[in-house]
Amino acid sequence: MARPANAPLSPHLQIYRWPISMFTSIAHRASGIVLSVGTVFLAVWLVSAAMGPAAFADINGIAAAWYGQLLMVGWSFALFYHLCNGVRHLVWDTGIGLRLSDARITGYVAIAVAAGLTIITWVFALAL
């Protein structure tokens, strides 16, 4: 079947821009996956501590390396983002903030608060 001459074309990927609500929805699911993987690493770290000093030194060496620290910063951002966006969804369940403009603003707020909490957490963690 031929496409009618006046039918709109789908936007190109180069010009299509994700709405913030689409981004936050996908990011919420992705942060849940990141939290699951990070929790497995946390469990391995705790089990290695129970297995003895040698096993703990191996796993703790990964966590203490620059790439381990970077992964933990990402994991903590995923934790805070998932928390903030979850609170956002709980507020939506009450019927508040469902307008498009409110959803857009709260999406940006959730990302900003998560970033702020991550920075504050790591400033305090590195100061200890």
Protein backbone atom coordinates (compact mmCIF):
# COMPACT_ATOMS: atom_id res chain seq x y z
CA MET A 1 0.00 0.00 0.00
CA ALA A 2 1.45 3.34 -1.02
CA ARG A 3 1.83 6.18 1.44
CA PRO A 4 -0.47 9.13 0.78
CA ALA A 5 1.37 12.24 -0.40
CA ASN A 6 0.27 14.34 2.58
CA ALA A 7 1.14 11.76 5.30
CA PRO A 8 3.67 13.04 7.84
CA LEU A 9 7.10 11.44 7.98
CA SER A 10 8.59 10.17 11.21
CA PRO A 11 11.23 12.54 12.54
CA HIS A 12 14.84 11.69 11.85
CA LEU A 13 16.91 10.47 14.78
CA GLN A 14 19.21 13.46 14.27
CA ILE A 15 16.38 15.94 14.85
CA TYR A 16 14.12 14.02 17.23
CA ARG A 17 14.51 15.10 20.85
CA TRP A 18 13.33 12.88 23.68
CA PRO A 19 10.81 14.53 25.99
CA ILE A 20 12.05 14.65 29.58
CA SER A 21 9.23 12.32 30.69
CA MET A 22 10.43 9.68 28.21
CA PHE A 23 14.02 10.09 29.38
CA THR A 24 13.13 9.88 33.08
CA SER A 25 11.00 6.79 32.51
CA ILE A 26 13.81 4.96 30.73
CA ALA A 27 16.39 6.22 33.23
CA HIS A 28 14.26 4.98 36.14
CA ARG A 29 14.25 1.47 34.70
CA ALA A 30 17.96 1.65 33.88
CA SER A 31 18.79 2.87 37.39
CA GLY A 32 16.93 -0.14 38.79
CA ILE A 33 19.15 -2.42 36.72
CA VAL A 34 22.28 -0.57 37.84
CA LEU A 35 21.15 -0.91 41.46
CA SER A 36 20.68 -4.65 41.01
CA VAL A 37 24.17 -5.11 39.58
CA GLY A 38 25.68 -2.89 42.28
CA THR A 39 23.89 -4.87 44.97
CA VAL A 40 25.42 -8.08 43.63
CA PHE A 41 28.86 -6.46 43.91
CA LEU A 42 28.04 -5.36 47.46
CA ALA A 43 27.05 -8.94 48.34
CA VAL A 44 30.30 -10.27 46.82
CA TRP A 45 32.25 -7.69 48.82
CA LEU A 46 30.52 -8.74 52.07
CA VAL A 47 31.00 -12.46 51.36
CA SER A 48 34.68 -11.84 50.63
CA ALA A 49 34.99 -10.15 54.02
CA ALA A 50 33.58 -13.29 55.62
CA MET A 51 35.97 -15.51 53.63
CA GLY A 52 39.09 -13.95 55.08
CA PRO A 53 41.64 -11.19 54.63
CA ALA A 54 43.05 -12.44 51.31
CA ALA A 55 39.68 -12.67 49.58
CA PHE A 56 38.62 -9.33 51.03
CA ALA A 57 41.85 -7.67 49.86
CA ASP A 58 41.19 -8.83 46.29
CA ILE A 59 37.63 -7.50 46.11
CA ASN A 60 38.40 -4.39 48.13
CA GLY A 61 41.28 -3.66 45.75
CA ILE A 62 38.74 -3.45 42.91
CA ALA A 63 36.47 -1.18 44.97
CA ALA A 64 39.37 1.07 46.00
CA ALA A 65 40.78 1.48 42.48
CA TRP A 66 39.84 4.55 40.44
CA TYR A 67 37.45 2.55 38.26
CA GLY A 68 35.83 1.00 41.33
CA GLN A 69 35.34 4.45 42.83
CA LEU A 70 33.87 5.69 39.55
CA LEU A 71 31.46 2.75 39.50
CA MET A 72 30.44 3.47 43.09
CA VAL A 73 29.76 7.13 42.23
CA GLY A 74 27.57 5.92 39.37
CA TRP A 75 25.85 3.42 41.64
CA SER A 76 25.16 6.09 44.26
CA PHE A 77 23.75 8.41 41.58
CA ALA A 78 21.51 5.57 40.39
CA LEU A 79 20.38 5.03 43.98
CA PHE A 80 19.52 8.69 44.53
CA TYR A 81 17.90 9.07 41.12
CA HIS A 82 15.77 5.97 41.63
CA LEU A 83 14.77 7.31 45.05
CA CYS A 84 13.90 10.81 43.78
CA ASN A 85 12.00 9.54 40.77
CA GLY A 86 10.19 7.02 42.97
CA VAL A 87 9.06 9.84 45.26
CA ARG A 88 7.93 11.69 42.15
CA HIS A 89 5.83 8.69 41.14
CA LEU A 90 4.37 8.43 44.64
CA VAL A 91 3.29 12.06 44.43
CA TRP A 92 1.74 11.34 41.03
CA ASP A 93 -0.24 8.51 42.64
CA THR A 94 -2.00 11.15 44.74
CA GLY A 95 -3.04 12.97 41.57
CA ILE A 96 -0.63 15.87 42.04
CA GLY A 97 1.78 16.99 39.33
CA LEU A 98 0.21 15.18 36.41
CA ARG A 99 0.07 18.18 34.07
CA LEU A 100 2.67 18.10 31.30
CA SER A 101 4.42 21.22 32.55
CA ASP A 102 4.59 19.85 36.12
CA ALA A 103 5.89 16.49 34.91
CA ARG A 104 8.61 18.24 32.90
CA ILE A 105 9.70 20.41 35.83
CA THR A 106 9.70 17.55 38.35
CA GLY A 107 11.73 15.43 35.93
CA TYR A 108 14.49 18.03 35.91
CA VAL A 109 14.18 18.46 39.67
CA ALA A 110 14.57 14.70 40.25
CA ILE A 111 17.76 14.65 38.18
CA ALA A 112 19.16 17.77 39.88
CA VAL A 113 18.38 16.56 43.40
CA ALA A 114 19.91 13.16 42.65
CA ALA A 115 23.07 14.84 41.34
CA GLY A 116 23.20 17.11 44.39
CA LEU A 117 22.76 14.23 46.83
CA THR A 118 25.46 12.26 45.03
CA ILE A 119 27.90 15.17 45.24
CA ILE A 120 27.14 15.80 48.91
CA THR A 121 27.53 12.11 49.74
CA TRP A 122 30.89 11.82 48.01
CA VAL A 123 32.22 15.08 49.45
CA PHE A 124 31.49 13.73 52.93
CA ALA A 125 32.77 10.23 52.06
CA LEU A 126 36.08 11.55 50.74
CA ALA A 127 36.48 13.94 53.67
CA LEU A 128 36.45 11.09 56.18
